[in-house]
Amino acid sequence: MNFIRKFYYGDIPEDKAGGNIVSKDSKTDWPLWEVFIRSKQGLDHKHAGSLHAADAQMAIENARDVYTRRMEGESIWVVESKYIIASNPDEAGELYEPAKDKIYRHPTFYNLPDEVNHM
């Protein structure tokens, strides 16, 4: 019996024997995407989690389905994880050392008016 199988976002194709065509060791695995959501009450995007998707459009649609099921999101950002560069926590002392001699940057030197919120 031959039939055409439709694949939907999130489906993993199977071979005729029922095994997955795409394995964890395969180079055709979907890339990992980091998801950032801005809530309706929020001013900034916050990291919500990660997911696998074939492309950016699929990542946004999957992020909507997974992380904003209760209409809590206003905006979604997705970034392919391989493009995120992070500092090494073990090298934090070296990284932040130049800022220690710039005491004028510390907020203790500034008086903010009461009208200024969100700082």
N, C-alpha and C. Protein backbone atom coordinates (compact mmCIF):
# COMPACT_ATOMS: atom_id res chain seq x y z
N MET A 1 0.85 -1.18 0.00
CA MET A 1 0.00 0.00 0.00
C MET A 1 0.89 1.24 0.00
N ASN A 2 0.79 2.05 -1.03
CA ASN A 2 1.56 3.28 -1.11
C ASN A 2 0.68 4.45 -0.72
N PHE A 3 1.24 5.33 0.07
CA PHE A 3 0.52 6.54 0.42
C PHE A 3 1.53 7.65 0.62
N ILE A 4 1.06 8.85 0.51
CA ILE A 4 1.92 10.01 0.68
C ILE A 4 1.78 10.48 2.12
N ARG A 5 2.91 10.58 2.79
CA ARG A 5 2.92 11.02 4.19
C ARG A 5 3.24 12.50 4.21
N LYS A 6 2.39 13.29 4.82
CA LYS A 6 2.65 14.71 4.98
C LYS A 6 3.49 14.91 6.23
N PHE A 7 4.52 15.75 6.14
CA PHE A 7 5.31 16.08 7.30
C PHE A 7 4.93 17.47 7.77
N TYR A 8 4.85 17.62 9.07
CA TYR A 8 4.53 18.90 9.67
C TYR A 8 5.71 19.37 10.49
N TYR A 9 5.73 20.64 10.85
CA TYR A 9 6.81 21.15 11.69
C TYR A 9 6.92 20.30 12.94
N GLY A 10 8.13 19.89 13.25
CA GLY A 10 8.36 19.09 14.44
C GLY A 10 8.40 17.61 14.16
N ASP A 11 7.91 17.19 12.98
CA ASP A 11 7.96 15.77 12.63
C ASP A 11 9.40 15.36 12.31
N ILE A 12 9.73 14.14 12.65
CA ILE A 12 11.02 13.57 12.28
C ILE A 12 10.73 12.48 11.26
N PRO A 13 11.25 12.61 10.04
CA PRO A 13 10.95 11.63 8.99
C PRO A 13 11.38 10.23 9.41
N GLU A 14 10.59 9.22 8.98
CA GLU A 14 10.91 7.83 9.28
C GLU A 14 11.13 7.08 7.97
N ASP A 15 11.97 6.03 8.04
CA ASP A 15 12.16 5.19 6.87
C ASP A 15 11.05 4.14 6.83
N LYS A 16 11.06 3.25 5.83
CA LYS A 16 10.00 2.26 5.66
C LYS A 16 9.91 1.29 6.83
N ALA A 17 11.04 1.07 7.53
CA ALA A 17 11.05 0.14 8.65
C ALA A 17 10.55 0.80 9.94
N GLY A 18 10.27 2.08 9.89
CA GLY A 18 9.76 2.78 11.06
C GLY A 18 10.82 3.47 11.89
N GLY A 19 12.08 3.37 11.48
CA GLY A 19 13.16 4.04 12.19
C GLY A 19 13.33 5.47 11.72
N ASN A 20 13.92 6.29 12.55
CA ASN A 20 14.13 7.69 12.19
C ASN A 20 15.22 7.81 11.12
N ILE A 21 14.94 8.60 10.10
CA ILE A 21 15.95 8.88 9.07
C ILE A 21 17.00 9.81 9.63
N VAL A 22 16.57 10.77 10.42
CA VAL A 22 17.48 11.74 11.00
C VAL A 22 17.90 11.23 12.37
N SER A 23 19.18 10.96 12.53
CA SER A 23 19.69 10.48 13.81
C SER A 23 20.44 11.59 14.51
N LYS A 24 20.76 11.39 15.78
CA LYS A 24 21.49 12.40 16.53
C LYS A 24 22.90 12.58 16.00
N ASP A 25 23.45 11.55 15.35
CA ASP A 25 24.80 11.64 14.82
C ASP A 25 24.83 12.22 13.41
N SER A 26 23.68 12.41 12.82
CA SER A 26 23.61 12.87 11.44
C SER A 26 23.94 14.36 11.34
N LYS A 27 24.55 14.74 10.23
CA LYS A 27 24.86 16.16 10.00
C LYS A 27 23.62 16.91 9.55
N THR A 28 22.51 16.21 9.32
CA THR A 28 21.28 16.88 8.88
C THR A 28 20.37 17.24 10.04
N ASP A 29 20.85 17.12 11.28
CA ASP A 29 20.04 17.51 12.43
C ASP A 29 19.68 18.99 12.34
N TRP A 30 18.51 19.31 12.86
CA TRP A 30 18.09 20.70 12.89
C TRP A 30 18.93 21.46 13.89
N PRO A 31 19.28 22.71 13.59
CA PRO A 31 20.10 23.49 14.52
C PRO A 31 19.31 23.88 15.77
N LEU A 32 20.05 24.19 16.81
CA LEU A 32 19.47 24.63 18.07
C LEU A 32 19.26 26.13 18.02
N TRP A 33 18.11 26.60 18.45
CA TRP A 33 17.75 28.02 18.47
C TRP A 33 17.47 28.43 19.91
N GLU A 34 17.92 29.63 20.27
CA GLU A 34 17.61 30.21 21.58
C GLU A 34 16.42 31.14 21.39
N VAL A 35 15.48 31.08 22.31
CA VAL A 35 14.22 31.82 22.20
C VAL A 35 14.17 32.90 23.27
N PHE A 36 13.83 34.13 22.85
CA PHE A 36 13.67 35.26 23.75
C PHE A 36 12.26 35.81 23.56
N ILE A 37 11.56 36.01 24.67
CA ILE A 37 10.17 36.48 24.63
C ILE A 37 10.07 37.80 25.39
N ARG A 38 9.35 38.75 24.79
CA ARG A 38 9.02 39.98 25.51
C ARG A 38 7.56 39.87 25.92
N SER A 39 7.33 39.94 27.22
CA SER A 39 5.96 39.83 27.72
C SER A 39 5.22 41.14 27.48
N LYS A 40 3.93 41.09 27.61
CA LYS A 40 3.11 42.29 27.37
C LYS A 40 3.40 43.37 28.39
N GLN A 41 3.79 42.99 29.61
CA GLN A 41 4.09 43.96 30.64
C GLN A 41 5.58 44.31 30.67
N GLY A 42 6.40 43.59 29.92
CA GLY A 42 7.85 43.76 30.01
C GLY A 42 8.41 44.81 29.07
N LEU A 43 9.60 45.27 29.40
CA LEU A 43 10.28 46.24 28.56
C LEU A 43 11.39 45.60 27.73
N ASP A 44 11.76 44.39 28.10
CA ASP A 44 12.87 43.74 27.40
C ASP A 44 12.54 42.28 27.15
N HIS A 45 13.29 41.69 26.22
CA HIS A 45 13.13 40.27 25.93
C HIS A 45 13.90 39.46 26.97
N LYS A 46 13.34 38.35 27.39
CA LYS A 46 13.99 37.46 28.35
C LYS A 46 14.13 36.08 27.72
N HIS A 47 15.23 35.43 28.06
CA HIS A 47 15.47 34.09 27.52
C HIS A 47 14.41 33.14 28.05
N ALA A 48 13.71 32.48 27.13
CA ALA A 48 12.64 31.56 27.52
C ALA A 48 13.08 30.11 27.45
N GLY A 49 14.02 29.81 26.57
CA GLY A 49 14.46 28.43 26.42
C GLY A 49 15.07 28.20 25.05
N SER A 50 15.19 26.93 24.70
CA SER A 50 15.81 26.54 23.44
C SER A 50 14.92 25.54 22.73
N LEU A 51 15.09 25.44 21.42
CA LEU A 51 14.38 24.44 20.64
C LEU A 51 15.14 24.16 19.35
N HIS A 52 14.83 23.05 18.71
CA HIS A 52 15.42 22.70 17.43
C HIS A 52 14.42 23.03 16.34
N ALA A 53 14.91 23.60 15.24
CA ALA A 53 14.06 23.91 14.10
C ALA A 53 14.92 23.95 12.84
N ALA A 54 14.30 23.71 11.70
CA ALA A 54 15.02 23.66 10.43
C ALA A 54 15.45 25.04 9.96
N ASP A 55 14.63 26.07 10.25
CA ASP A 55 14.97 27.43 9.82
C ASP A 55 14.36 28.43 10.79
N ALA A 56 14.60 29.71 10.54
CA ALA A 56 14.16 30.76 11.46
C ALA A 56 12.64 30.85 11.55
N GLN A 57 11.95 30.71 10.44
CA GLN A 57 10.49 30.79 10.46
C GLN A 57 9.90 29.66 11.29
N MET A 58 10.43 28.46 11.12
CA MET A 58 9.96 27.33 11.91
C MET A 58 10.27 27.55 13.39
N ALA A 59 11.43 28.13 13.68
CA ALA A 59 11.81 28.39 15.07
C ALA A 59 10.83 29.37 15.72
N ILE A 60 10.44 30.42 15.00
CA ILE A 60 9.48 31.38 15.55
C ILE A 60 8.12 30.72 15.78
N GLU A 61 7.67 29.94 14.82
CA GLU A 61 6.37 29.28 14.97
C GLU A 61 6.39 28.27 16.11
N ASN A 62 7.48 27.50 16.22
CA ASN A 62 7.57 26.54 17.32
C ASN A 62 7.69 27.25 18.66
N ALA A 63 8.43 28.36 18.70
CA ALA A 63 8.57 29.14 19.94
C ALA A 63 7.22 29.69 20.36
N ARG A 64 6.44 30.15 19.41
CA ARG A 64 5.09 30.64 19.72
C ARG A 64 4.26 29.53 20.34
N ASP A 65 4.32 28.34 19.75
CA ASP A 65 3.51 27.22 20.24
C ASP A 65 3.98 26.72 21.60
N VAL A 66 5.28 26.74 21.83
CA VAL A 66 5.82 26.17 23.07
C VAL A 66 5.84 27.18 24.21
N TYR A 67 6.27 28.42 23.94
CA TYR A 67 6.54 29.38 25.01
C TYR A 67 5.48 30.45 25.19
N THR A 68 4.51 30.56 24.30
CA THR A 68 3.47 31.59 24.47
C THR A 68 2.08 30.99 24.29
N ARG A 69 1.86 29.85 24.88
CA ARG A 69 0.57 29.16 24.72
C ARG A 69 -0.58 29.92 25.35
N ARG A 70 -0.30 30.74 26.33
CA ARG A 70 -1.36 31.46 27.05
C ARG A 70 -1.38 32.95 26.68
N MET A 71 -0.91 33.26 25.50
CA MET A 71 -0.93 34.63 24.97
C MET A 71 -0.16 35.60 25.85
N GLU A 72 0.92 35.13 26.50
CA GLU A 72 1.69 36.00 27.38
C GLU A 72 2.79 36.77 26.66
N GLY A 73 3.00 36.49 25.39
CA GLY A 73 4.08 37.15 24.67
C GLY A 73 3.62 38.27 23.77
N GLU A 74 4.47 39.25 23.63
CA GLU A 74 4.23 40.39 22.74
C GLU A 74 5.15 40.31 21.52
N SER A 75 6.33 39.76 21.74
CA SER A 75 7.33 39.69 20.68
C SER A 75 8.24 38.49 20.92
N ILE A 76 8.67 37.85 19.83
CA ILE A 76 9.55 36.68 19.92
C ILE A 76 10.81 36.94 19.10
N TRP A 77 11.95 36.67 19.71
CA TRP A 77 13.23 36.66 19.00
C TRP A 77 13.77 35.24 19.02
N VAL A 78 14.32 34.78 17.91
CA VAL A 78 15.04 33.51 17.89
C VAL A 78 16.42 33.76 17.30
N VAL A 79 17.42 33.13 17.90
CA VAL A 79 18.80 33.27 17.45
C VAL A 79 19.40 31.87 17.40
N GLU A 80 20.00 31.54 16.27
CA GLU A 80 20.65 30.24 16.18
C GLU A 80 21.80 30.21 17.18
N SER A 81 21.84 29.19 18.00
CA SER A 81 22.77 29.11 19.12
C SER A 81 24.23 29.25 18.70
N LYS A 82 24.57 28.80 17.51
CA LYS A 82 25.97 28.87 17.10
C LYS A 82 26.45 30.30 16.92
N TYR A 83 25.53 31.26 16.84
CA TYR A 83 25.93 32.66 16.68
C TYR A 83 26.04 33.41 18.01
N ILE A 84 25.75 32.75 19.11
CA ILE A 84 25.86 33.39 20.41
C ILE A 84 27.26 33.13 20.96
N ILE A 85 27.95 34.20 21.27
CA ILE A 85 29.29 34.10 21.83
C ILE A 85 29.20 34.57 23.29
N ALA A 86 29.77 33.79 24.18
CA ALA A 86 29.71 34.11 25.61
C ALA A 86 31.11 34.21 26.18
N SER A 87 31.24 35.03 27.20
CA SER A 87 32.53 35.12 27.89
C SER A 87 32.69 33.90 28.79
N ASN A 88 33.93 33.61 29.14
CA ASN A 88 34.23 32.49 30.02
C ASN A 88 34.15 32.98 31.46
N PRO A 89 33.31 32.39 32.29
CA PRO A 89 33.19 32.85 33.69
C PRO A 89 34.50 32.76 34.46
N ASP A 90 35.39 31.83 34.06
CA ASP A 90 36.68 31.69 34.73
C ASP A 90 37.61 32.87 34.45
N GLU A 91 37.32 33.62 33.39
CA GLU A 91 38.15 34.77 33.02
C GLU A 91 37.47 36.10 33.33
N ALA A 92 36.48 36.08 34.22
CA ALA A 92 35.72 37.29 34.53
C ALA A 92 36.61 38.37 35.13
N GLY A 93 37.56 38.00 35.98
CA GLY A 93 38.45 38.98 36.58
C GLY A 93 39.22 39.78 35.55
N GLU A 94 39.78 39.11 34.58
CA GLU A 94 40.54 39.77 33.51
C GLU A 94 39.63 40.63 32.64
N LEU A 95 38.43 40.11 32.38
CA LEU A 95 37.50 40.81 31.49
C LEU A 95 37.02 42.13 32.10
N TYR A 96 36.72 42.12 33.39
CA TYR A 96 36.16 43.31 34.04
C TYR A 96 37.19 44.17 34.76
N GLU A 97 38.43 43.78 34.75
CA GLU A 97 39.49 44.53 35.44
C GLU A 97 39.56 45.99 35.02
N PRO A 98 39.51 46.33 33.72
CA PRO A 98 39.61 47.75 33.33
C PRO A 98 38.51 48.63 33.92
N ALA A 99 37.37 48.08 34.25
CA ALA A 99 36.26 48.89 34.77
C ALA A 99 36.47 49.30 36.23
N LYS A 100 37.35 48.63 36.94
CA LYS A 100 37.53 48.93 38.36
C LYS A 100 38.15 50.30 38.61
N ASP A 101 38.95 50.79 37.68
CA ASP A 101 39.59 52.08 37.89
C ASP A 101 38.74 53.25 37.37
N LYS A 102 37.52 52.99 36.96
CA LYS A 102 36.63 54.04 36.46
C LYS A 102 35.47 54.19 37.45
N ILE A 103 35.80 54.72 38.63
CA ILE A 103 34.79 54.79 39.69
C ILE A 103 33.64 55.74 39.36
N TYR A 104 33.88 56.65 38.41
CA TYR A 104 32.80 57.57 38.03
C TYR A 104 31.64 56.83 37.37
N ARG A 105 31.85 55.59 36.98
CA ARG A 105 30.77 54.81 36.36
C ARG A 105 29.85 54.17 37.39
N HIS A 106 30.23 54.19 38.64
CA HIS A 106 29.39 53.58 39.68
C HIS A 106 28.19 54.48 39.95
N PRO A 107 27.03 53.90 40.12
CA PRO A 107 25.81 54.71 40.28
C PRO A 107 25.74 55.49 41.58
N THR A 108 26.67 55.28 42.49
CA THR A 108 26.62 55.99 43.77
C THR A 108 26.94 57.48 43.61
N PHE A 109 27.50 57.88 42.49
CA PHE A 109 27.86 59.28 42.27
C PHE A 109 26.72 60.11 41.67
N TYR A 110 25.62 59.46 41.34
CA TYR A 110 24.54 60.16 40.66
C TYR A 110 23.28 60.16 41.52
N ASN A 111 22.61 61.29 41.52
CA ASN A 111 21.32 61.40 42.21
C ASN A 111 20.24 61.41 41.13
N LEU A 112 19.35 60.44 41.18
CA LEU A 112 18.28 60.37 40.19
C LEU A 112 17.01 60.96 40.75
N PRO A 113 16.29 61.73 39.95
CA PRO A 113 15.00 62.26 40.42
C PRO A 113 13.98 61.14 40.59
N ASP A 114 13.01 61.35 41.44
CA ASP A 114 12.00 60.36 41.74
C ASP A 114 11.15 60.00 40.51
N GLU A 115 11.09 60.90 39.53
CA GLU A 115 10.26 60.66 38.33
C GLU A 115 10.87 59.60 37.43
N VAL A 116 12.15 59.32 37.62
CA VAL A 116 12.82 58.34 36.76
C VAL A 116 12.50 56.94 37.30
N ASN A 117 11.77 56.18 36.54
CA ASN A 117 11.43 54.81 36.92
C ASN A 117 12.42 53.87 36.24
N HIS A 118 12.29 52.70 36.08
CA HIS A 118 13.00 51.73 35.24
C HIS A 118 14.51 51.92 35.15
N MET A 119 15.19 52.39 36.20
CA MET A 119 16.65 52.47 36.17
C MET A 119 17.23 51.70 37.32
